[in-house]
Amino acid sequence: MTLATLTIPLDERTAQTLDQAPRGQREQLQSLFSYLARQYAESTPESLIALMEEIGQEARANGLTPEILQSILNDE
């Protein structure tokens, strides 16, 4: 797959967290962003909401809690 670079404005804290993330995590995030962008381009608002719910359910099933997510976002 050919990669292209896209610049997306983010708040400084998020950008710094992503920039400092280990390579494996950055690659996972790139895959997630790519997947979400493709789904968004091919979806209706209703299907996008359903996709976001599905992602949330999967994350909860894998043990992701709001506290863990906040910790990740806070880079603790």
PDB file of N, CA and C in Angstrom:
ATOM      1  N   MET A   1       0.838  -1.168   0.000  1.00  0.00           N
ATOM      2  CA  MET A   1       0.000   0.000   0.000  1.00  0.00           C
ATOM      3  C   MET A   1       0.890   1.239   0.000  1.00  0.00           C
ATOM      4  N   THR A   2       0.583   2.179  -0.862  1.00  0.00           N
ATOM      5  CA  THR A   2       1.312   3.434  -0.923  1.00  0.00           C
ATOM      6  C   THR A   2       0.795   4.359   0.168  1.00  0.00           C
ATOM      7  N   LEU A   3       1.705   4.993   0.881  1.00  0.00           N
ATOM      8  CA  LEU A   3       1.315   5.897   1.952  1.00  0.00           C
ATOM      9  C   LEU A   3       1.380   7.343   1.473  1.00  0.00           C
ATOM     10  N   ALA A   4       0.457   8.135   1.951  1.00  0.00           N
ATOM     11  CA  ALA A   4       0.450   9.570   1.703  1.00  0.00           C
ATOM     12  C   ALA A   4       0.397  10.259   3.058  1.00  0.00           C
ATOM     13  N   THR A   5       0.841  11.479   3.113  1.00  0.00           N
ATOM     14  CA  THR A   5       0.828  12.237   4.357  1.00  0.00           C
ATOM     15  C   THR A   5      -0.274  13.275   4.306  1.00  0.00           C
ATOM     16  N   LEU A   6      -1.014  13.359   5.393  1.00  0.00           N
ATOM     17  CA  LEU A   6      -2.105  14.301   5.533  1.00  0.00           C
ATOM     18  C   LEU A   6      -1.873  15.075   6.819  1.00  0.00           C
ATOM     19  N   THR A   7      -1.998  16.380   6.774  1.00  0.00           N
ATOM     20  CA  THR A   7      -1.834  17.212   7.956  1.00  0.00           C
ATOM     21  C   THR A   7      -3.213  17.486   8.547  1.00  0.00           C
ATOM     22  N   ILE A   8      -3.375  17.127   9.823  1.00  0.00           N
ATOM     23  CA  ILE A   8      -4.638  17.326  10.518  1.00  0.00           C
ATOM     24  C   ILE A   8      -4.369  18.167  11.758  1.00  0.00           C
ATOM     25  N   PRO A   9      -5.034  19.301  11.887  1.00  0.00           N
ATOM     26  CA  PRO A   9      -4.826  20.111  13.087  1.00  0.00           C
ATOM     27  C   PRO A   9      -5.316  19.384  14.344  1.00  0.00           C
ATOM     28  N   LEU A  10      -4.477  19.343  15.352  1.00  0.00           N
ATOM     29  CA  LEU A  10      -4.810  18.738  16.643  1.00  0.00           C
ATOM     30  C   LEU A  10      -4.392  19.707  17.739  1.00  0.00           C
ATOM     31  N   ASP A  11      -5.002  19.557  18.903  1.00  0.00           N
ATOM     32  CA  ASP A  11      -4.530  20.386  20.004  1.00  0.00           C
ATOM     33  C   ASP A  11      -3.095  19.968  20.333  1.00  0.00           C
ATOM     34  N   GLU A  12      -2.337  20.884  20.914  1.00  0.00           N
ATOM     35  CA  GLU A  12      -0.906  20.662  21.121  1.00  0.00           C
ATOM     36  C   GLU A  12      -0.622  19.440  21.993  1.00  0.00           C
ATOM     37  N   ARG A  13      -1.420  19.236  23.008  1.00  0.00           N
ATOM     38  CA  ARG A  13      -1.208  18.101  23.910  1.00  0.00           C
ATOM     39  C   ARG A  13      -1.370  16.770  23.176  1.00  0.00           C
ATOM     40  N   THR A  14      -2.408  16.665  22.362  1.00  0.00           N
ATOM     41  CA  THR A  14      -2.645  15.440  21.601  1.00  0.00           C
ATOM     42  C   THR A  14      -1.516  15.213  20.603  1.00  0.00           C
ATOM     43  N   ALA A  15      -1.131  16.263  19.894  1.00  0.00           N
ATOM     44  CA  ALA A  15      -0.054  16.137  18.909  1.00  0.00           C
ATOM     45  C   ALA A  15       1.243  15.681  19.570  1.00  0.00           C
ATOM     46  N   GLN A  16       1.538  16.243  20.723  1.00  0.00           N
ATOM     47  CA  GLN A  16       2.764  15.875  21.432  1.00  0.00           C
ATOM     48  C   GLN A  16       2.701  14.413  21.901  1.00  0.00           C
ATOM     49  N   THR A  17       1.548  14.015  22.413  1.00  0.00           N
ATOM     50  CA  THR A  17       1.374  12.635  22.871  1.00  0.00           C
ATOM     51  C   THR A  17       1.570  11.663  21.713  1.00  0.00           C
ATOM     52  N   LEU A  18       0.957  11.960  20.573  1.00  0.00           N
ATOM     53  CA  LEU A  18       1.096  11.087  19.406  1.00  0.00           C
ATOM     54  C   LEU A  18       2.533  11.070  18.908  1.00  0.00           C
ATOM     55  N   ASP A  19       3.184  12.223  18.911  1.00  0.00           N
ATOM     56  CA  ASP A  19       4.558  12.318  18.433  1.00  0.00           C
ATOM     57  C   ASP A  19       5.512  11.512  19.315  1.00  0.00           C
ATOM     58  N   GLN A  20       5.212  11.451  20.610  1.00  0.00           N
ATOM     59  CA  GLN A  20       6.096  10.758  21.552  1.00  0.00           C
ATOM     60  C   GLN A  20       5.726   9.285  21.753  1.00  0.00           C
ATOM     61  N   ALA A  21       4.642   8.854  21.153  1.00  0.00           N
ATOM     62  CA  ALA A  21       4.215   7.461  21.308  1.00  0.00           C
ATOM     63  C   ALA A  21       5.234   6.526  20.658  1.00  0.00           C
ATOM     64  N   PRO A  22       5.395   5.339  21.221  1.00  0.00           N
ATOM     65  CA  PRO A  22       6.289   4.360  20.599  1.00  0.00           C
ATOM     66  C   PRO A  22       5.831   4.042  19.171  1.00  0.00           C
ATOM     67  N   ARG A  23       6.784   3.638  18.349  1.00  0.00           N
ATOM     68  CA  ARG A  23       6.515   3.377  16.930  1.00  0.00           C
ATOM     69  C   ARG A  23       5.329   2.444  16.718  1.00  0.00           C
ATOM     70  N   GLY A  24       5.249   1.379  17.475  1.00  0.00           N
ATOM     71  CA  GLY A  24       4.159   0.414  17.318  1.00  0.00           C
ATOM     72  C   GLY A  24       2.797   1.048  17.566  1.00  0.00           C
ATOM     73  N   GLN A  25       2.712   1.893  18.584  1.00  0.00           N
ATOM     74  CA  GLN A  25       1.452   2.568  18.862  1.00  0.00           C
ATOM     75  C   GLN A  25       1.107   3.568  17.760  1.00  0.00           C
ATOM     76  N   ARG A  26       2.107   4.282  17.253  1.00  0.00           N
ATOM     77  CA  ARG A  26       1.857   5.228  16.150  1.00  0.00           C
ATOM     78  C   ARG A  26       1.348   4.485  14.922  1.00  0.00           C
ATOM     79  N   GLU A  27       1.929   3.318  14.633  1.00  0.00           N
ATOM     80  CA  GLU A  27       1.485   2.533  13.479  1.00  0.00           C
ATOM     81  C   GLU A  27       0.055   2.054  13.670  1.00  0.00           C
ATOM     82  N   GLN A  28      -0.290   1.652  14.894  1.00  0.00           N
ATOM     83  CA  GLN A  28      -1.664   1.236  15.165  1.00  0.00           C
ATOM     84  C   GLN A  28      -2.626   2.411  14.984  1.00  0.00           C
ATOM     85  N   LEU A  29      -2.235   3.581  15.453  1.00  0.00           N
ATOM     86  CA  LEU A  29      -3.074   4.767  15.294  1.00  0.00           C
ATOM     87  C   LEU A  29      -3.221   5.137  13.825  1.00  0.00           C
ATOM     88  N   GLN A  30      -2.146   5.018  13.054  1.00  0.00           N
ATOM     89  CA  GLN A  30      -2.232   5.297  11.617  1.00  0.00           C
ATOM     90  C   GLN A  30      -3.229   4.357  10.953  1.00  0.00           C
ATOM     91  N   SER A  31      -3.193   3.088  11.336  1.00  0.00           N
ATOM     92  CA  SER A  31      -4.136   2.120  10.775  1.00  0.00           C
ATOM     93  C   SER A  31      -5.562   2.474  11.170  1.00  0.00           C
ATOM     94  N   LEU A  32      -5.743   2.851  12.428  1.00  0.00           N
ATOM     95  CA  LEU A  32      -7.070   3.228  12.905  1.00  0.00           C
ATOM     96  C   LEU A  32      -7.575   4.468  12.172  1.00  0.00           C
ATOM     97  N   PHE A  33      -6.742   5.491  12.037  1.00  0.00           N
ATOM     98  CA  PHE A  33      -7.144   6.705  11.325  1.00  0.00           C
ATOM     99  C   PHE A  33      -7.495   6.392   9.873  1.00  0.00           C
ATOM    100  N   SER A  34      -6.700   5.557   9.237  1.00  0.00           N
ATOM    101  CA  SER A  34      -6.979   5.181   7.853  1.00  0.00           C
ATOM    102  C   SER A  34      -8.315   4.472   7.736  1.00  0.00           C
ATOM    103  N   TYR A  35      -8.542   3.530   8.630  1.00  0.00           N
ATOM    104  CA  TYR A  35      -9.796   2.779   8.624  1.00  0.00           C
ATOM    105  C   TYR A  35     -10.980   3.717   8.841  1.00  0.00           C
ATOM    106  N   LEU A  36     -10.878   4.583   9.845  1.00  0.00           N
ATOM    107  CA  LEU A  36     -11.975   5.507  10.135  1.00  0.00           C
ATOM    108  C   LEU A  36     -12.227   6.459   8.968  1.00  0.00           C
ATOM    109  N   ALA A  37     -11.180   6.947   8.342  1.00  0.00           N
ATOM    110  CA  ALA A  37     -11.352   7.858   7.203  1.00  0.00           C
ATOM    111  C   ALA A  37     -12.047   7.152   6.039  1.00  0.00           C
ATOM    112  N   ARG A  38     -11.647   5.905   5.762  1.00  0.00           N
ATOM    113  CA  ARG A  38     -12.299   5.152   4.684  1.00  0.00           C
ATOM    114  C   ARG A  38     -13.765   4.902   5.004  1.00  0.00           C
ATOM    115  N   GLN A  39     -14.031   4.518   6.245  1.00  0.00           N
ATOM    116  CA  GLN A  39     -15.415   4.276   6.642  1.00  0.00           C
ATOM    117  C   GLN A  39     -16.243   5.557   6.559  1.00  0.00           C
ATOM    118  N   TYR A  40     -15.656   6.662   6.972  1.00  0.00           N
ATOM    119  CA  TYR A  40     -16.355   7.945   6.928  1.00  0.00           C
ATOM    120  C   TYR A  40     -16.683   8.325   5.483  1.00  0.00           C
ATOM    121  N   ALA A  41     -15.736   8.138   4.595  1.00  0.00           N
ATOM    122  CA  ALA A  41     -15.936   8.510   3.191  1.00  0.00           C
ATOM    123  C   ALA A  41     -17.041   7.687   2.542  1.00  0.00           C
ATOM    124  N   GLU A  42     -17.227   6.479   3.028  1.00  0.00           N
ATOM    125  CA  GLU A  42     -18.202   5.566   2.425  1.00  0.00           C
ATOM    126  C   GLU A  42     -19.514   5.482   3.206  1.00  0.00           C
ATOM    127  N   SER A  43     -19.684   6.327   4.199  1.00  0.00           N
ATOM    128  CA  SER A  43     -20.805   6.134   5.102  1.00  0.00           C
ATOM    129  C   SER A  43     -21.818   7.270   5.086  1.00  0.00           C
ATOM    130  N   THR A  44     -22.909   6.985   5.732  1.00  0.00           N
ATOM    131  CA  THR A  44     -23.915   7.992   6.031  1.00  0.00           C
ATOM    132  C   THR A  44     -23.705   8.384   7.492  1.00  0.00           C
ATOM    133  N   PRO A  45     -24.262   9.489   7.937  1.00  0.00           N
ATOM    134  CA  PRO A  45     -24.105   9.840   9.358  1.00  0.00           C
ATOM    135  C   PRO A  45     -24.566   8.725  10.294  1.00  0.00           C
ATOM    136  N   GLU A  46     -25.627   8.044   9.930  1.00  0.00           N
ATOM    137  CA  GLU A  46     -26.134   6.973  10.785  1.00  0.00           C
ATOM    138  C   GLU A  46     -25.151   5.816  10.867  1.00  0.00           C
ATOM    139  N   SER A  47     -24.550   5.459   9.732  1.00  0.00           N
ATOM    140  CA  SER A  47     -23.615   4.339   9.764  1.00  0.00           C
ATOM    141  C   SER A  47     -22.323   4.725  10.486  1.00  0.00           C
ATOM    142  N   LEU A  48     -21.932   5.995  10.427  1.00  0.00           N
ATOM    143  CA  LEU A  48     -20.749   6.441  11.160  1.00  0.00           C
ATOM    144  C   LEU A  48     -20.990   6.339  12.661  1.00  0.00           C
ATOM    145  N   ILE A  49     -22.157   6.732  13.113  1.00  0.00           N
ATOM    146  CA  ILE A  49     -22.491   6.609  14.533  1.00  0.00           C
ATOM    147  C   ILE A  49     -22.482   5.141  14.947  1.00  0.00           C
ATOM    148  N   ALA A  50     -23.030   4.284  14.108  1.00  0.00           N
ATOM    149  CA  ALA A  50     -23.030   2.847  14.395  1.00  0.00           C
ATOM    150  C   ALA A  50     -21.597   2.319  14.478  1.00  0.00           C
ATOM    151  N   LEU A  51     -20.725   2.775  13.576  1.00  0.00           N
ATOM    152  CA  LEU A  51     -19.325   2.354  13.599  1.00  0.00           C
ATOM    153  C   LEU A  51     -18.654   2.807  14.883  1.00  0.00           C
ATOM    154  N   MET A  52     -18.903   4.036  15.286  1.00  0.00           N
ATOM    155  CA  MET A  52     -18.298   4.540  16.514  1.00  0.00           C
ATOM    156  C   MET A  52     -18.796   3.742  17.728  1.00  0.00           C
ATOM    157  N   GLU A  53     -20.061   3.378  17.739  1.00  0.00           N
ATOM    158  CA  GLU A  53     -20.600   2.546  18.816  1.00  0.00           C
ATOM    159  C   GLU A  53     -19.934   1.177  18.816  1.00  0.00           C
ATOM    160  N   GLU A  54     -19.745   0.614  17.638  1.00  0.00           N
ATOM    161  CA  GLU A  54     -19.097  -0.696  17.524  1.00  0.00           C
ATOM    162  C   GLU A  54     -17.663  -0.642  18.045  1.00  0.00           C
ATOM    163  N   ILE A  55     -16.942   0.407  17.698  1.00  0.00           N
ATOM    164  CA  ILE A  55     -15.564   0.571  18.174  1.00  0.00           C
ATOM    165  C   ILE A  55     -15.556   0.691  19.698  1.00  0.00           C
ATOM    166  N   GLY A  56     -16.486   1.462  20.239  1.00  0.00           N
ATOM    167  CA  GLY A  56     -16.581   1.614  21.688  1.00  0.00           C
ATOM    168  C   GLY A  56     -16.881   0.307  22.387  1.00  0.00           C
ATOM    169  N   GLN A  57     -17.808  -0.469  21.820  1.00  0.00           N
ATOM    170  CA  GLN A  57     -18.145  -1.765  22.408  1.00  0.00           C
ATOM    171  C   GLN A  57     -16.948  -2.708  22.380  1.00  0.00           C
ATOM    172  N   GLU A  58     -16.233  -2.705  21.274  1.00  0.00           N
ATOM    173  CA  GLU A  58     -15.038  -3.557  21.146  1.00  0.00           C
ATOM    174  C   GLU A  58     -13.979  -3.145  22.163  1.00  0.00           C
ATOM    175  N   ALA A  59     -13.784  -1.845  22.321  1.00  0.00           N
ATOM    176  CA  ALA A  59     -12.802  -1.349  23.284  1.00  0.00           C
ATOM    177  C   ALA A  59     -13.194  -1.765  24.704  1.00  0.00           C
ATOM    178  N   ARG A  60     -14.469  -1.606  25.056  1.00  0.00           N
ATOM    179  CA  ARG A  60     -14.931  -2.012  26.389  1.00  0.00           C
ATOM    180  C   ARG A  60     -14.773  -3.520  26.588  1.00  0.00           C
ATOM    181  N   ALA A  61     -15.081  -4.295  25.561  1.00  0.00           N
ATOM    182  CA  ALA A  61     -14.944  -5.754  25.648  1.00  0.00           C
ATOM    183  C   ALA A  61     -13.487  -6.162  25.865  1.00  0.00           C
ATOM    184  N   ASN A  62     -12.562  -5.341  25.371  1.00  0.00           N
ATOM    185  CA  ASN A  62     -11.137  -5.619  25.544  1.00  0.00           C
ATOM    186  C   ASN A  62     -10.561  -4.971  26.797  1.00  0.00           C
ATOM    187  N   GLY A  63     -11.442  -4.429  27.646  1.00  0.00           N
ATOM    188  CA  GLY A  63     -10.990  -3.916  28.932  1.00  0.00           C
ATOM    189  C   GLY A  63     -10.693  -2.429  28.998  1.00  0.00           C
ATOM    190  N   LEU A  64     -10.948  -1.695  27.940  1.00  0.00           N
ATOM    191  CA  LEU A  64     -10.686  -0.260  27.971  1.00  0.00           C
ATOM    192  C   LEU A  64     -11.784   0.424  28.770  1.00  0.00           C
ATOM    193  N   THR A  65     -11.380   1.103  29.817  1.00  0.00           N
ATOM    194  CA  THR A  65     -12.324   1.853  30.641  1.00  0.00           C
ATOM    195  C   THR A  65     -12.105   3.339  30.393  1.00  0.00           C
ATOM    196  N   PRO A  66     -13.057   4.182  30.784  1.00  0.00           N
ATOM    197  CA  PRO A  66     -12.833   5.627  30.648  1.00  0.00           C
ATOM    198  C   PRO A  66     -11.567   6.082  31.377  1.00  0.00           C
ATOM    199  N   GLU A  67     -11.278   5.464  32.521  1.00  0.00           N
ATOM    200  CA  GLU A  67     -10.082   5.836  33.289  1.00  0.00           C
ATOM    201  C   GLU A  67      -8.799   5.464  32.537  1.00  0.00           C
ATOM    202  N   ILE A  68      -8.779   4.281  31.947  1.00  0.00           N
ATOM    203  CA  ILE A  68      -7.604   3.860  31.179  1.00  0.00           C
ATOM    204  C   ILE A  68      -7.424   4.760  29.965  1.00  0.00           C
ATOM    205  N   LEU A  69      -8.509   5.055  29.270  1.00  0.00           N
ATOM    206  CA  LEU A  69      -8.433   5.947  28.115  1.00  0.00           C
ATOM    207  C   LEU A  69      -7.890   7.306  28.534  1.00  0.00           C
ATOM    208  N   GLN A  70      -8.394   7.853  29.628  1.00  0.00           N
ATOM    209  CA  GLN A  70      -7.914   9.153  30.094  1.00  0.00           C
ATOM    210  C   GLN A  70      -6.433   9.089  30.439  1.00  0.00           C
ATOM    211  N   SER A  71      -6.012   7.983  31.056  1.00  0.00           N
ATOM    212  CA  SER A  71      -4.608   7.805  31.383  1.00  0.00           C
ATOM    213  C   SER A  71      -3.748   7.794  30.123  1.00  0.00           C
ATOM    214  N   ILE A  72      -4.213   7.102  29.097  1.00  0.00           N
ATOM    215  CA  ILE A  72      -3.497   7.062  27.821  1.00  0.00           C
ATOM    216  C   ILE A  72      -3.417   8.456  27.222  1.00  0.00           C
ATOM    217  N   LEU A  73      -4.544   9.162  27.236  1.00  0.00           N
ATOM    218  CA  LEU A  73      -4.562  10.499  26.670  1.00  0.00           C
ATOM    219  C   LEU A  73      -3.712  11.474  27.466  1.00  0.00           C
ATOM    220  N   ASN A  74      -3.613  11.241  28.779  1.00  0.00           N
ATOM    221  CA  ASN A  74      -2.785  12.095  29.631  1.00  0.00           C
ATOM    222  C   ASN A  74      -1.336  11.663  29.628  1.00  0.00           C
ATOM    223  N   ASP A  75      -1.039  10.544  28.952  1.00  0.00           N
ATOM    224  CA  ASP A  75       0.316   9.986  28.853  1.00  0.00           C
ATOM    225  C   ASP A  75       0.894   9.716  30.229  1.00  0.00           C
ATOM    226  N   GLU A  76       0.087   9.083  31.092  1.00  0.00           N
ATOM    227  CA  GLU A  76       0.557   8.754  32.444  1.00  0.00           C
ATOM    228  C   GLU A  76       1.264   7.432  32.444  1.00  0.00           C
TER     229      GLU A  76
END
